[in-house]
Amino acid sequence: MEHARDCCRTCAARCRHKKRAVHALEAELRIRGARILIADTSGDAGFTATRKFYAAKGYDEEARIRDFWGTGDDKVTYWKSLITD
């Protein structure tokens, strides 16, 4: 589990085009008929920028599972509707 988190953190740090990547993913999911997109991340201080990124892209914090990744490290789930008006 720790390795997976480290890999995600490394990939996110290296991705210079996160906004475009998320926009492309959302567009593709809409084409495929998806209604919502769920994104999970860590509540750890090292993921503050990630949580701010999702909030800025219109995602709402939907759930928080305390100590999911480890003691003091919550799993934070973000939700976004893909249905356009």
Protein backbone atom coordinates (compact mmCIF):
# COMPACT_ATOMS: atom_id res chain seq x y z
CA MET A 1 0.00 0.00 0.00
CA GLU A 2 2.82 2.40 0.87
CA HIS A 3 4.48 1.76 -2.51
CA ALA A 4 1.26 2.57 -4.39
CA ARG A 5 0.90 5.87 -2.54
CA ASP A 6 4.51 6.79 -3.27
CA CYS A 7 4.06 6.01 -6.95
CA CYS A 8 0.92 8.15 -7.14
CA ARG A 9 2.66 11.02 -5.36
CA THR A 10 5.64 10.79 -7.73
CA CYS A 11 3.45 10.68 -10.84
CA ALA A 12 1.38 13.64 -9.68
CA ALA A 13 4.49 15.66 -8.95
CA ARG A 14 5.89 14.93 -12.42
CA CYS A 15 2.70 15.61 -14.35
CA ARG A 16 2.96 19.10 -15.81
CA HIS A 17 -0.32 18.91 -17.62
CA LYS A 18 -2.66 17.73 -14.87
CA LYS A 19 -5.45 20.14 -15.77
CA ARG A 20 -5.48 19.03 -19.39
CA ALA A 21 -5.26 15.37 -18.42
CA VAL A 22 -8.22 15.64 -16.03
CA HIS A 23 -10.23 17.59 -18.60
CA ALA A 24 -9.51 14.94 -21.25
CA LEU A 25 -10.46 12.15 -18.84
CA GLU A 26 -13.74 13.89 -17.94
CA ALA A 27 -14.54 14.43 -21.63
CA GLU A 28 -13.86 10.79 -22.49
CA LEU A 29 -15.98 9.57 -19.58
CA ARG A 30 -18.86 11.81 -20.71
CA ILE A 31 -18.63 10.31 -24.21
CA ARG A 32 -18.86 6.86 -22.64
CA GLY A 33 -21.96 7.87 -20.68
CA ALA A 34 -20.46 8.18 -17.20
CA ARG A 35 -22.47 10.31 -14.79
CA ILE A 36 -19.87 10.95 -12.09
CA LEU A 37 -16.15 10.79 -11.45
CA ILE A 38 -14.73 9.70 -8.10
CA ALA A 39 -11.14 10.50 -7.09
CA ASP A 40 -9.48 9.16 -3.96
CA THR A 41 -6.45 10.74 -2.35
CA SER A 42 -4.71 11.00 0.99
CA GLY A 43 -5.50 13.35 3.85
CA ASP A 44 -1.77 13.57 4.60
CA ALA A 45 -0.21 17.05 4.55
CA GLY A 46 1.93 15.95 1.60
CA PHE A 47 -1.24 15.75 -0.50
CA THR A 48 -2.55 19.24 0.30
CA ALA A 49 -1.81 20.44 -3.25
CA THR A 50 -3.65 17.43 -4.67
CA ARG A 51 -6.74 18.16 -2.58
CA LYS A 52 -6.63 21.84 -3.60
CA PHE A 53 -6.31 20.79 -7.24
CA TYR A 54 -9.46 18.66 -7.11
CA ALA A 55 -11.39 21.40 -5.30
CA ALA A 56 -10.31 23.96 -7.90
CA LYS A 57 -11.49 21.63 -10.70
CA GLY A 58 -15.00 21.51 -9.21
CA TYR A 59 -14.76 18.31 -7.19
CA ASP A 60 -16.51 18.14 -3.82
CA GLU A 61 -15.13 16.27 -0.85
CA GLU A 62 -17.70 13.50 -0.56
CA ALA A 63 -16.23 11.24 2.10
CA ARG A 64 -13.34 10.86 4.48
CA ILE A 65 -12.34 7.53 6.01
CA ARG A 66 -10.18 8.12 9.06
CA ASP A 67 -6.86 6.28 9.30
CA PHE A 68 -7.47 4.43 6.01
CA TRP A 69 -3.89 4.62 4.70
CA GLY A 70 -2.39 4.53 8.18
CA THR A 71 -2.72 6.14 11.58
CA GLY A 72 -3.52 9.81 11.02
CA ASP A 73 -3.70 9.42 7.24
CA ASP A 74 -7.28 9.57 6.01
CA LYS A 75 -8.63 8.50 2.64
CA VAL A 76 -10.36 11.52 1.09
CA THR A 77 -12.87 10.88 -1.69
CA TYR A 78 -13.80 13.62 -4.14
CA TRP A 79 -16.93 13.57 -6.33
CA LYS A 80 -17.84 15.44 -9.50
CA SER A 81 -20.92 15.26 -11.70
CA LEU A 82 -20.14 14.74 -15.37
CA ILE A 83 -23.66 15.59 -16.49
CA THR A 84 -23.68 18.87 -18.35
CA ASP A 85 -26.73 21.11 -18.38
